[in-house]
Amino acid sequence: GATGVQLIPVIAPEVTELGEAFNQMAERLGESITVISADRDRSRDFVADVSHELRTPIAALRTFLELLRGGAGEDPETREEFLEQSARQVERMEWLATNLLELSKLDSGLVQLNLREEDLRAVLESAYQQAEPVAGRKGVNLVLHLPPEPVRQPHDPPRLGQVLTNLIGNAIKFTPRGGEVHVELTAAPDGAHITVSDTGVGIPAEELPHVFERFWRGAGTRERGSGSGLGLSIVKRIVDMHEGRVQVVSTPGMGTR
């Protein structure tokens, strides 16, 4: 009879490996596309937020100029008030531009930490001395708590000082006259703990998850029309670069830690 011939395909190991490599590459490519898409959305939101933040002071300046041109400037008191308000809006734009540049440098990796194994107490003392006059003018009692022994931990003094200046400044800003702001350093098994606590207005629970987001400002901040909404984002970025953690606990009407 006829001889039957059976063909058995043989797949070389190299072909199998190549197929697996293609599959892995496709998975990674899909993940990359997802990340790029998310980054694009975040970038679009970021640009929109920047535009919104700039429009407010620009609109105010335009209004002041139109009123001054329309005859309001003939009254010395009105003219002085408009000029003072205009100066505040210019300061706001300058503050926004400075913080945007700082955050951009931190995000892009252009900033390299200069870590030093030095006593953390020196950074806290410097930040305290810088903030004490501000607290005094507002009638807020600023208290510094330092351990008697050195607390040595690798850190970049100027950058950590930037973190403390921001946190202490926020605490003073949102603490009413007669209140207190405490800055404390303690040694810990995992490094060191720095705490800034106040007896201020506090932050509602629903707002706590958002405090480190860019351009986010709480209801109390918005009502006061102050802040760029970038300060705490910069704080978190610098702390992350130190491989540290930053956390916030707050009770409305009682204070923030």
Protein backbone atom coordinates (compact mmCIF):
# COMPACT_ATOMS: atom_id res chain seq x y z
CA GLY A 1 0.00 0.00 0.00
CA ALA A 2 0.88 3.65 -0.02
CA THR A 3 3.44 4.74 2.48
CA GLY A 4 2.03 7.33 4.96
CA VAL A 5 4.21 10.34 5.62
CA GLN A 6 3.61 12.33 8.85
CA LEU A 7 5.13 15.79 9.18
CA ILE A 8 5.93 16.84 12.76
CA PRO A 9 6.82 20.53 13.01
CA VAL A 10 9.85 21.18 15.15
CA ILE A 11 10.14 24.63 16.73
CA ALA A 12 13.67 25.55 17.58
CA PRO A 13 14.28 26.85 21.15
CA GLU A 14 15.54 30.10 19.68
CA VAL A 15 12.18 30.73 18.03
CA THR A 16 10.36 30.08 21.31
CA GLU A 17 12.63 32.49 23.15
CA LEU A 18 12.13 35.08 20.43
CA GLY A 19 8.36 34.77 20.74
CA GLU A 20 8.52 35.16 24.52
CA ALA A 21 10.77 38.18 24.12
CA PHE A 22 8.28 39.76 21.70
CA ASN A 23 5.42 39.11 24.12
CA GLN A 24 7.36 40.71 26.98
CA MET A 25 8.27 43.66 24.80
CA ALA A 26 4.63 44.10 23.81
CA GLU A 27 3.58 44.07 27.48
CA ARG A 28 6.24 46.65 28.39
CA LEU A 29 5.24 48.77 25.40
CA GLY A 30 1.63 48.68 26.53
CA GLU A 31 2.66 49.73 30.04
CA SER A 32 4.81 52.54 28.60
CA ILE A 33 1.92 53.81 26.49
CA THR A 34 -0.29 53.86 29.58
CA VAL A 35 2.33 55.81 31.54
CA ILE A 36 2.92 58.25 28.67
CA SER A 37 -0.82 58.81 28.35
CA ALA A 38 -1.15 59.48 32.08
CA ASP A 39 1.84 61.86 31.97
CA ARG A 40 0.28 63.67 29.03
CA ASP A 41 -2.97 64.10 30.94
CA ARG A 42 -1.10 65.34 34.01
CA SER A 43 0.93 67.75 31.89
CA ARG A 44 -2.23 69.11 30.31
CA ASP A 45 -3.82 69.60 33.74
CA PHE A 46 -0.61 71.20 35.01
CA VAL A 47 -0.53 73.73 32.16
CA ALA A 48 -4.22 74.48 32.71
CA ASP A 49 -3.57 75.09 36.41
CA VAL A 50 -0.62 77.38 35.65
CA SER A 51 -2.76 79.36 33.24
CA HIS A 52 -5.52 79.67 35.81
CA GLU A 53 -3.11 80.84 38.51
CA LEU A 54 -1.64 83.49 36.19
CA ARG A 55 -5.00 84.74 34.93
CA THR A 56 -6.11 85.87 38.39
CA PRO A 57 -3.33 88.41 39.08
CA ILE A 58 -3.24 89.51 35.43
CA ALA A 59 -6.98 90.23 35.49
CA ALA A 60 -6.59 92.18 38.74
CA LEU A 61 -3.73 94.27 37.32
CA ARG A 62 -5.72 95.00 34.16
CA THR A 63 -8.68 96.17 36.26
CA PHE A 64 -6.51 98.44 38.40
CA LEU A 65 -4.90 99.99 35.30
CA GLU A 66 -8.27 100.61 33.63
CA LEU A 67 -9.64 102.26 36.78
CA LEU A 68 -6.56 104.44 37.14
CA ARG A 69 -6.79 105.50 33.51
CA GLY A 70 -10.49 106.20 33.93
CA GLY A 71 -9.95 108.89 36.53
CA ALA A 72 -9.75 106.91 39.76
CA GLY A 73 -6.07 107.81 39.91
CA GLU A 74 -6.89 111.46 40.51
CA ASP A 75 -7.72 110.63 44.12
CA PRO A 76 -4.39 110.16 46.00
CA GLU A 77 -5.80 107.60 48.47
CA THR A 78 -7.41 105.52 45.73
CA ARG A 79 -4.28 105.67 43.61
CA GLU A 80 -2.14 104.54 46.57
CA GLU A 81 -4.50 101.66 47.31
CA PHE A 82 -4.49 100.48 43.70
CA LEU A 83 -0.70 100.69 43.52
CA GLU A 84 -0.38 98.68 46.72
CA GLN A 85 -2.78 96.03 45.45
CA SER A 86 -0.92 95.90 42.12
CA ALA A 87 2.38 95.36 43.94
CA ARG A 88 0.84 92.40 45.78
CA GLN A 89 -0.33 90.85 42.53
CA VAL A 90 3.14 91.25 41.01
CA GLU A 91 4.63 89.58 44.09
CA ARG A 92 2.14 86.76 43.65
CA MET A 93 3.21 86.19 40.05
CA GLU A 94 6.89 86.36 41.02
CA TRP A 95 6.30 83.81 43.80
CA LEU A 96 4.47 81.54 41.37
CA ALA A 97 7.23 81.77 38.76
CA THR A 98 9.93 81.04 41.37
CA ASN A 99 8.11 77.97 42.67
CA LEU A 100 7.34 76.69 39.18
CA LEU A 101 11.01 76.91 38.28
CA GLU A 102 12.02 75.19 41.51
CA LEU A 103 9.54 72.35 41.04
CA SER A 104 10.60 71.95 37.41
CA LYS A 105 14.26 71.60 38.43
CA LEU A 106 13.40 69.05 41.12
CA ASP A 107 11.26 66.98 38.75
CA SER A 108 13.77 67.02 35.91
CA GLY A 109 16.57 65.63 38.06
CA LEU A 110 18.73 68.73 37.55
CA VAL A 111 18.98 69.11 41.33
CA GLN A 112 21.46 66.78 42.97
CA LEU A 113 21.47 66.56 46.74
CA ASN A 114 24.71 67.30 48.53
CA LEU A 115 24.26 64.91 51.44
CA ARG A 116 26.29 65.60 54.57
CA GLU A 117 26.51 63.50 57.71
CA GLU A 118 25.97 66.50 59.98
CA ASP A 119 23.95 67.40 63.05
CA LEU A 120 20.34 68.05 62.09
CA ARG A 121 19.96 70.45 65.00
CA ALA A 122 21.83 73.15 63.04
CA VAL A 123 19.23 73.12 60.23
CA LEU A 124 16.34 73.39 62.70
CA GLU A 125 18.02 76.23 64.61
CA SER A 126 18.57 78.16 61.37
CA ALA A 127 14.95 77.71 60.25
CA TYR A 128 13.72 78.70 63.70
CA GLN A 129 15.79 81.90 63.75
CA GLN A 130 14.54 82.82 60.29
CA ALA A 131 10.87 82.30 61.23
CA GLU A 132 10.92 83.76 64.76
CA PRO A 133 10.51 87.42 63.69
CA VAL A 134 7.54 86.50 61.47
CA ALA A 135 5.88 84.62 64.31
CA GLY A 136 6.57 87.50 66.70
CA ARG A 137 4.93 90.05 64.41
CA LYS A 138 1.83 87.88 64.17
CA GLY A 139 1.70 87.16 67.90
CA VAL A 140 2.32 83.41 67.51
CA ASN A 141 4.58 81.66 70.03
CA LEU A 142 7.22 79.68 68.09
CA VAL A 143 8.89 76.99 70.22
CA LEU A 144 11.92 74.87 69.26
CA HIS A 145 12.54 71.47 70.89
CA LEU A 146 16.02 69.99 70.34
CA PRO A 147 17.63 66.96 72.01
CA PRO A 148 20.79 67.60 74.06
CA GLU A 149 22.87 65.22 71.91
CA PRO A 150 23.67 65.60 68.19
CA VAL A 151 21.37 63.84 65.71
CA ARG A 152 23.53 62.95 62.73
CA GLN A 153 21.75 61.94 59.57
CA PRO A 154 22.78 62.34 55.90
CA HIS A 155 20.96 65.39 54.56
CA ASP A 156 21.31 68.38 52.26
CA PRO A 157 21.17 71.36 54.68
CA PRO A 158 19.87 74.02 52.24
CA ARG A 159 17.19 71.73 50.83
CA LEU A 160 16.07 70.49 54.23
CA GLY A 161 16.05 74.12 55.36
CA GLN A 162 13.73 74.84 52.45
CA VAL A 163 11.37 72.12 53.70
CA LEU A 164 11.36 73.50 57.25
CA THR A 165 10.92 77.10 56.13
CA ASN A 166 7.86 76.09 54.13
CA LEU A 167 6.28 73.98 56.88
CA ILE A 168 6.95 76.50 59.65
CA GLY A 169 5.73 79.36 57.44
CA ASN A 170 2.47 77.52 56.73
CA ALA A 171 2.00 76.75 60.42
CA ILE A 172 2.44 80.41 61.39
CA LYS A 173 0.18 81.59 58.55
CA PHE A 174 -2.74 79.44 59.66
CA THR A 175 -2.34 79.88 63.41
CA PRO A 176 -4.27 82.80 64.93
CA ARG A 177 -2.70 85.35 67.27
CA GLY A 178 -2.01 83.83 70.68
CA GLY A 179 -1.52 80.36 69.22
CA GLU A 180 1.61 78.21 69.20
CA VAL A 181 3.85 76.49 66.66
CA HIS A 182 6.21 73.78 67.88
CA VAL A 183 9.21 72.47 65.93
CA GLU A 184 10.74 69.28 67.32
CA LEU A 185 13.62 66.96 66.45
CA THR A 186 13.96 63.45 67.85
CA ALA A 187 16.33 60.61 67.08
CA ALA A 188 14.68 57.41 65.85
CA PRO A 189 15.82 53.88 64.94
CA ASP A 190 15.07 54.61 61.26
CA GLY A 191 16.91 57.94 61.22
CA ALA A 192 15.28 61.05 62.64
CA HIS A 193 11.83 62.55 63.07
CA ILE A 194 11.15 66.25 62.53
CA THR A 195 7.73 67.50 63.59
CA VAL A 196 6.10 70.86 62.92
CA SER A 197 2.82 71.22 64.82
CA ASP A 198 0.49 74.16 65.35
CA THR A 199 -2.69 75.15 67.15
CA GLY A 200 -4.16 76.67 64.00
CA VAL A 201 -7.32 76.31 61.96
CA GLY A 202 -6.61 72.72 60.91
CA ILE A 203 -7.45 70.89 57.70
CA PRO A 204 -10.74 69.03 57.05
CA ALA A 205 -10.38 65.24 56.76
CA GLU A 206 -11.59 65.19 53.14
CA GLU A 207 -8.82 67.62 52.14
CA LEU A 208 -5.91 65.77 53.79
CA PRO A 209 -5.25 63.36 50.87
CA HIS A 210 -4.74 66.33 48.53
CA VAL A 211 -2.40 68.61 50.48
CA PHE A 212 0.72 67.54 48.57
CA GLU A 213 -0.87 67.86 45.13
CA ARG A 214 0.34 70.68 42.89
CA PHE A 215 -1.80 73.81 42.85
CA TRP A 216 -4.11 72.34 45.45
CA ARG A 217 -5.14 74.86 48.06
CA GLY A 218 -7.56 74.21 50.88
CA ALA A 219 -10.78 76.13 51.33
CA GLY A 220 -9.23 78.31 54.04
CA THR A 221 -6.30 79.18 51.81
CA ARG A 222 -8.51 80.04 48.87
CA GLU A 223 -10.62 82.34 51.02
CA ARG A 224 -7.50 84.20 52.06
CA GLY A 225 -6.26 84.30 48.45
CA SER A 226 -2.77 83.33 49.57
CA GLY A 227 -0.30 80.67 48.56
CA SER A 228 0.69 79.23 45.20
CA GLY A 229 -0.38 75.68 45.98
CA LEU A 230 3.15 74.53 45.13
CA GLY A 231 4.93 74.76 48.48
CA LEU A 232 3.92 71.38 49.86
CA SER A 233 4.58 69.72 46.50
CA ILE A 234 8.15 71.01 46.74
CA VAL A 235 8.35 69.80 50.34
CA LYS A 236 7.30 66.28 49.38
CA ARG A 237 9.68 66.16 46.41
CA ILE A 238 12.66 67.13 48.56
CA VAL A 239 11.71 64.65 51.29
CA ASP A 240 11.32 61.91 48.68
CA MET A 241 14.78 62.73 47.34
CA HIS A 242 16.10 62.16 50.88
CA GLU A 243 14.30 58.78 50.84
CA GLY A 244 12.16 60.03 53.69
CA ARG A 245 8.44 60.22 54.39
CA VAL A 246 6.20 63.19 55.04
CA GLN A 247 2.82 62.78 56.71
CA VAL A 248 0.10 65.14 57.89
CA VAL A 249 -2.39 64.77 60.74
CA SER A 250 -4.93 67.49 61.41
CA THR A 251 -8.10 68.31 63.30
CA PRO A 252 -10.17 71.31 62.17
CA GLY A 253 -10.17 74.02 64.82
CA MET A 254 -7.40 72.36 66.82
CA GLY A 255 -4.31 72.33 64.65
CA THR A 256 -2.08 70.44 62.23
CA ARG A 257 0.94 68.22 62.72
